[in-house]
Amino acid sequence: MTEESTPVVEETVEDVVTEVEAPGQETDPVASLTADLQRLQAEYSNYRKRVERDRAVSHELAISAVLTELLATLDDIDRASEHGELSGGFKAVADQLASLTNRFGLEKYGTAGDEFDPQIHEALLHENSTDVSVATASKILQPGYKYKERILRPARVAVTEPE
């Protein structure tokens, strides 16, 4: 038995492009293929940037979720510190936890005397006084925390307003 060989047909770029072209239109095959390549490169670049942006957002959301869960523990440590109960090994652990949260970018905010801002404060108590000219957070009942401009918990305050 003899095998019949089929002839190999080699097509050039020009042949392929001329088959696709509509009659009556002249296009440069190199320019057409270059435009397609540039379009694909731009699509890939946009895809890569979108994936990197989504990855960064996911990373920030994961860190903020962990930090939110730690807020109750940080409040307990603050209360223990106010009452002078931080000593020995517990103080070392509390210092390490504070250092860790600071390194991740957790910021504590809210001080007595700040102007009341409903965007970052939660009013729990209200009173009137002639001593203030604008609504003021007169007492911080629970500090607020934010991570990268995202409020994890608003500061819970007592508000004093002018009469």
C-alpha atoms as a PDB file:
ATOM      1  CA  MET A   1       0.000   0.000   0.000  1.00  0.00           C
ATOM      2  CA  THR A   2       1.214   3.382  -0.819  1.00  0.00           C
ATOM      3  CA  GLU A   3       0.199   6.432   1.043  1.00  0.00           C
ATOM      4  CA  GLU A   4      -0.989   9.309  -0.949  1.00  0.00           C
ATOM      5  CA  SER A   5       0.416  12.565   0.226  1.00  0.00           C
ATOM      6  CA  THR A   6      -1.865  15.503   0.374  1.00  0.00           C
ATOM      7  CA  PRO A   7      -0.320  18.709  -0.780  1.00  0.00           C
ATOM      8  CA  VAL A   8       0.325  21.217   1.975  1.00  0.00           C
ATOM      9  CA  VAL A   9      -1.138  24.573   1.143  1.00  0.00           C
ATOM     10  CA  GLU A  10       0.599  27.491   2.761  1.00  0.00           C
ATOM     11  CA  GLU A  11      -1.428  30.657   3.013  1.00  0.00           C
ATOM     12  CA  THR A  12       0.146  33.991   3.518  1.00  0.00           C
ATOM     13  CA  VAL A  13      -1.308  36.817   5.580  1.00  0.00           C
ATOM     14  CA  GLU A  14      -2.259  38.637   2.427  1.00  0.00           C
ATOM     15  CA  ASP A  15      -4.246  35.611   1.182  1.00  0.00           C
ATOM     16  CA  VAL A  16      -6.216  35.331   4.424  1.00  0.00           C
ATOM     17  CA  VAL A  17      -6.942  39.038   4.603  1.00  0.00           C
ATOM     18  CA  THR A  18      -8.024  39.275   0.972  1.00  0.00           C
ATOM     19  CA  GLU A  19     -10.474  36.410   1.507  1.00  0.00           C
ATOM     20  CA  VAL A  20     -12.101  38.273   4.409  1.00  0.00           C
ATOM     21  CA  GLU A  21     -12.191  41.665   2.696  1.00  0.00           C
ATOM     22  CA  ALA A  22     -15.377  42.891   1.186  1.00  0.00           C
ATOM     23  CA  PRO A  23     -15.160  43.537  -2.515  1.00  0.00           C
ATOM     24  CA  GLY A  24     -14.300  47.068  -3.397  1.00  0.00           C
ATOM     25  CA  GLN A  25     -12.426  47.832  -0.142  1.00  0.00           C
ATOM     26  CA  GLU A  26      -8.713  48.082   0.065  1.00  0.00           C
ATOM     27  CA  THR A  27      -7.087  47.620   3.474  1.00  0.00           C
ATOM     28  CA  ASP A  28      -3.542  47.139   4.497  1.00  0.00           C
ATOM     29  CA  PRO A  29      -3.250  43.650   6.012  1.00  0.00           C
ATOM     30  CA  VAL A  30      -0.394  44.666   8.283  1.00  0.00           C
ATOM     31  CA  ALA A  31      -2.304  47.678   9.593  1.00  0.00           C
ATOM     32  CA  SER A  32      -5.384  45.537  10.200  1.00  0.00           C
ATOM     33  CA  LEU A  33      -3.458  42.909  12.133  1.00  0.00           C
ATOM     34  CA  THR A  34      -1.556  45.603  14.052  1.00  0.00           C
ATOM     35  CA  ALA A  35      -4.851  47.236  15.068  1.00  0.00           C
ATOM     36  CA  ASP A  36      -6.186  43.858  16.252  1.00  0.00           C
ATOM     37  CA  LEU A  37      -3.031  43.240  18.269  1.00  0.00           C
ATOM     38  CA  GLN A  38      -3.193  46.682  19.857  1.00  0.00           C
ATOM     39  CA  ARG A  39      -6.851  46.153  20.765  1.00  0.00           C
ATOM     40  CA  LEU A  40      -6.057  42.796  22.392  1.00  0.00           C
ATOM     41  CA  GLN A  41      -3.136  44.304  24.292  1.00  0.00           C
ATOM     42  CA  ALA A  42      -5.348  47.122  25.578  1.00  0.00           C
ATOM     43  CA  GLU A  43      -8.058  44.650  26.654  1.00  0.00           C
ATOM     44  CA  TYR A  44      -5.485  42.549  28.504  1.00  0.00           C
ATOM     45  CA  SER A  45      -3.977  45.611  30.173  1.00  0.00           C
ATOM     46  CA  ASN A  46      -7.416  46.758  31.347  1.00  0.00           C
ATOM     47  CA  TYR A  47      -8.220  43.266  32.615  1.00  0.00           C
ATOM     48  CA  ARG A  48      -4.942  43.093  34.545  1.00  0.00           C
ATOM     49  CA  LYS A  49      -5.555  46.524  36.139  1.00  0.00           C
ATOM     50  CA  ARG A  50      -9.111  45.562  37.101  1.00  0.00           C
ATOM     51  CA  VAL A  51      -7.918  42.317  38.700  1.00  0.00           C
ATOM     52  CA  GLU A  52      -5.221  44.153  40.675  1.00  0.00           C
ATOM     53  CA  ARG A  53      -7.743  46.760  41.852  1.00  0.00           C
ATOM     54  CA  ASP A  54     -10.219  44.047  42.892  1.00  0.00           C
ATOM     55  CA  ARG A  55      -7.452  42.180  44.703  1.00  0.00           C
ATOM     56  CA  ALA A  56      -6.486  45.322  46.650  1.00  0.00           C
ATOM     57  CA  VAL A  57     -10.120  45.984  47.619  1.00  0.00           C
ATOM     58  CA  SER A  58     -10.552  42.370  48.763  1.00  0.00           C
ATOM     59  CA  HIS A  59      -7.381  42.658  50.837  1.00  0.00           C
ATOM     60  CA  GLU A  60      -8.609  45.841  52.527  1.00  0.00           C
ATOM     61  CA  LEU A  61     -12.029  44.323  53.219  1.00  0.00           C
ATOM     62  CA  ALA A  62     -10.454  41.248  54.801  1.00  0.00           C
ATOM     63  CA  ILE A  63      -8.220  43.348  57.058  1.00  0.00           C
ATOM     64  CA  SER A  64     -11.099  45.626  58.064  1.00  0.00           C
ATOM     65  CA  ALA A  65     -13.244  42.577  58.921  1.00  0.00           C
ATOM     66  CA  VAL A  66     -10.534  41.230  61.245  1.00  0.00           C
ATOM     67  CA  LEU A  67      -9.960  44.635  62.818  1.00  0.00           C
ATOM     68  CA  THR A  68     -13.716  45.050  63.387  1.00  0.00           C
ATOM     69  CA  GLU A  69     -13.756  41.777  65.316  1.00  0.00           C
ATOM     70  CA  LEU A  70     -10.876  43.026  67.497  1.00  0.00           C
ATOM     71  CA  LEU A  71     -12.641  46.251  68.531  1.00  0.00           C
ATOM     72  CA  ALA A  72     -14.388  44.666  71.547  1.00  0.00           C
ATOM     73  CA  THR A  73     -11.051  43.327  72.775  1.00  0.00           C
ATOM     74  CA  LEU A  74      -9.418  46.731  72.331  1.00  0.00           C
ATOM     75  CA  ASP A  75     -12.256  48.311  74.338  1.00  0.00           C
ATOM     76  CA  ASP A  76     -11.694  45.806  77.153  1.00  0.00           C
ATOM     77  CA  ILE A  77      -7.976  46.565  77.153  1.00  0.00           C
ATOM     78  CA  ASP A  78      -8.689  50.333  77.307  1.00  0.00           C
ATOM     79  CA  ARG A  79     -11.050  49.864  80.256  1.00  0.00           C
ATOM     80  CA  ALA A  80      -8.506  47.688  82.079  1.00  0.00           C
ATOM     81  CA  SER A  81      -5.864  50.347  81.442  1.00  0.00           C
ATOM     82  CA  GLU A  82      -8.127  53.102  82.834  1.00  0.00           C
ATOM     83  CA  HIS A  83      -8.596  51.125  86.050  1.00  0.00           C
ATOM     84  CA  GLY A  84      -4.900  50.320  86.419  1.00  0.00           C
ATOM     85  CA  GLU A  85      -5.361  46.595  85.918  1.00  0.00           C
ATOM     86  CA  LEU A  86      -2.795  46.239  83.123  1.00  0.00           C
ATOM     87  CA  SER A  87       0.353  44.725  84.548  1.00  0.00           C
ATOM     88  CA  GLY A  88       2.888  42.014  83.856  1.00  0.00           C
ATOM     89  CA  GLY A  89       2.290  39.659  80.944  1.00  0.00           C
ATOM     90  CA  PHE A  90      -1.148  41.043  80.190  1.00  0.00           C
ATOM     91  CA  LYS A  91       0.369  44.504  79.661  1.00  0.00           C
ATOM     92  CA  ALA A  92       2.929  43.041  77.241  1.00  0.00           C
ATOM     93  CA  VAL A  93       0.168  41.323  75.250  1.00  0.00           C
ATOM     94  CA  ALA A  94      -1.903  44.528  75.219  1.00  0.00           C
ATOM     95  CA  ASP A  95       1.097  46.517  73.961  1.00  0.00           C
ATOM     96  CA  GLN A  96       1.759  43.978  71.214  1.00  0.00           C
ATOM     97  CA  LEU A  97      -1.887  44.052  70.136  1.00  0.00           C
ATOM     98  CA  ALA A  98      -1.875  47.871  70.043  1.00  0.00           C
ATOM     99  CA  SER A  99       1.353  47.837  68.033  1.00  0.00           C
ATOM    100  CA  LEU A 100      -0.085  45.303  65.586  1.00  0.00           C
ATOM    101  CA  THR A 101      -3.301  47.229  64.991  1.00  0.00           C
ATOM    102  CA  ASN A 102      -1.347  50.474  64.515  1.00  0.00           C
ATOM    103  CA  ARG A 103       0.925  48.767  61.996  1.00  0.00           C
ATOM    104  CA  PHE A 104      -2.126  47.667  59.990  1.00  0.00           C
ATOM    105  CA  GLY A 105      -3.431  51.237  60.028  1.00  0.00           C
ATOM    106  CA  LEU A 106      -6.245  51.134  62.588  1.00  0.00           C
ATOM    107  CA  GLU A 107      -6.845  54.659  63.891  1.00  0.00           C
ATOM    108  CA  LYS A 108      -8.663  55.525  67.092  1.00  0.00           C
ATOM    109  CA  TYR A 109     -10.512  58.838  67.078  1.00  0.00           C
ATOM    110  CA  GLY A 110     -12.824  60.904  69.204  1.00  0.00           C
ATOM    111  CA  THR A 111     -11.837  63.326  71.925  1.00  0.00           C
ATOM    112  CA  ALA A 112     -14.011  65.325  74.258  1.00  0.00           C
ATOM    113  CA  GLY A 113     -14.540  68.853  72.981  1.00  0.00           C
ATOM    114  CA  ASP A 114     -14.584  67.990  69.273  1.00  0.00           C
ATOM    115  CA  GLU A 115     -17.349  69.484  67.193  1.00  0.00           C
ATOM    116  CA  PHE A 116     -20.140  66.937  66.743  1.00  0.00           C
ATOM    117  CA  ASP A 117     -20.126  65.406  63.253  1.00  0.00           C
ATOM    118  CA  PRO A 118     -22.921  62.890  62.547  1.00  0.00           C
ATOM    119  CA  GLN A 119     -20.742  61.287  59.861  1.00  0.00           C
ATOM    120  CA  ILE A 120     -18.229  60.026  62.431  1.00  0.00           C
ATOM    121  CA  HIS A 121     -20.068  60.325  65.766  1.00  0.00           C
ATOM    122  CA  GLU A 122     -23.077  58.509  67.158  1.00  0.00           C
ATOM    123  CA  ALA A 123     -24.994  60.587  69.707  1.00  0.00           C
ATOM    124  CA  LEU A 124     -26.148  58.545  72.717  1.00  0.00           C
ATOM    125  CA  LEU A 125     -26.850  61.347  75.192  1.00  0.00           C
ATOM    126  CA  HIS A 126     -28.034  64.894  74.661  1.00  0.00           C
ATOM    127  CA  GLU A 127     -27.945  68.010  76.834  1.00  0.00           C
ATOM    128  CA  ASN A 128     -28.094  71.773  76.430  1.00  0.00           C
ATOM    129  CA  SER A 129     -25.636  74.288  77.798  1.00  0.00           C
ATOM    130  CA  THR A 130     -24.736  77.942  77.457  1.00  0.00           C
ATOM    131  CA  ASP A 131     -21.025  77.042  77.554  1.00  0.00           C
ATOM    132  CA  VAL A 132     -20.909  75.908  73.901  1.00  0.00           C
ATOM    133  CA  SER A 133     -21.674  77.755  70.683  1.00  0.00           C
ATOM    134  CA  VAL A 134     -21.976  74.701  68.391  1.00  0.00           C
ATOM    135  CA  ALA A 135     -22.971  71.074  68.932  1.00  0.00           C
ATOM    136  CA  THR A 136     -20.024  69.510  70.743  1.00  0.00           C
ATOM    137  CA  ALA A 137     -19.058  65.961  71.656  1.00  0.00           C
ATOM    138  CA  SER A 138     -18.721  66.712  75.358  1.00  0.00           C
ATOM    139  CA  LYS A 139     -17.992  63.169  76.531  1.00  0.00           C
ATOM    140  CA  ILE A 140     -16.626  60.159  74.655  1.00  0.00           C
ATOM    141  CA  LEU A 141     -18.515  57.082  75.791  1.00  0.00           C
ATOM    142  CA  GLN A 142     -16.809  54.754  73.332  1.00  0.00           C
ATOM    143  CA  PRO A 143     -14.012  55.759  70.944  1.00  0.00           C
ATOM    144  CA  GLY A 144     -14.440  55.407  67.207  1.00  0.00           C
ATOM    145  CA  TYR A 145     -12.136  53.484  64.903  1.00  0.00           C
ATOM    146  CA  LYS A 146     -11.350  53.875  61.237  1.00  0.00           C
ATOM    147  CA  TYR A 147      -9.212  51.969  58.784  1.00  0.00           C
ATOM    148  CA  LYS A 148      -8.008  53.755  55.643  1.00  0.00           C
ATOM    149  CA  GLU A 149     -10.738  56.403  55.715  1.00  0.00           C
ATOM    150  CA  ARG A 150     -13.404  53.708  56.262  1.00  0.00           C
ATOM    151  CA  ILE A 151     -15.296  54.089  59.535  1.00  0.00           C
ATOM    152  CA  LEU A 152     -15.303  50.716  61.296  1.00  0.00           C
ATOM    153  CA  ARG A 153     -17.219  52.050  64.264  1.00  0.00           C
ATOM    154  CA  PRO A 154     -18.422  55.596  64.932  1.00  0.00           C
ATOM    155  CA  ALA A 155     -17.411  57.275  68.187  1.00  0.00           C
ATOM    156  CA  ARG A 156     -20.303  57.054  70.645  1.00  0.00           C
ATOM    157  CA  VAL A 157     -20.614  60.396  72.393  1.00  0.00           C
ATOM    158  CA  ALA A 158     -22.662  62.630  74.637  1.00  0.00           C
ATOM    159  CA  VAL A 159     -23.606  65.779  72.731  1.00  0.00           C
ATOM    160  CA  THR A 160     -23.931  69.231  74.255  1.00  0.00           C
ATOM    161  CA  GLU A 161     -25.811  71.801  72.201  1.00  0.00           C
ATOM    162  CA  PRO A 162     -26.155  75.535  72.768  1.00  0.00           C
ATOM    163  CA  GLU A 163     -29.412  76.746  74.305  1.00  0.00           C
END
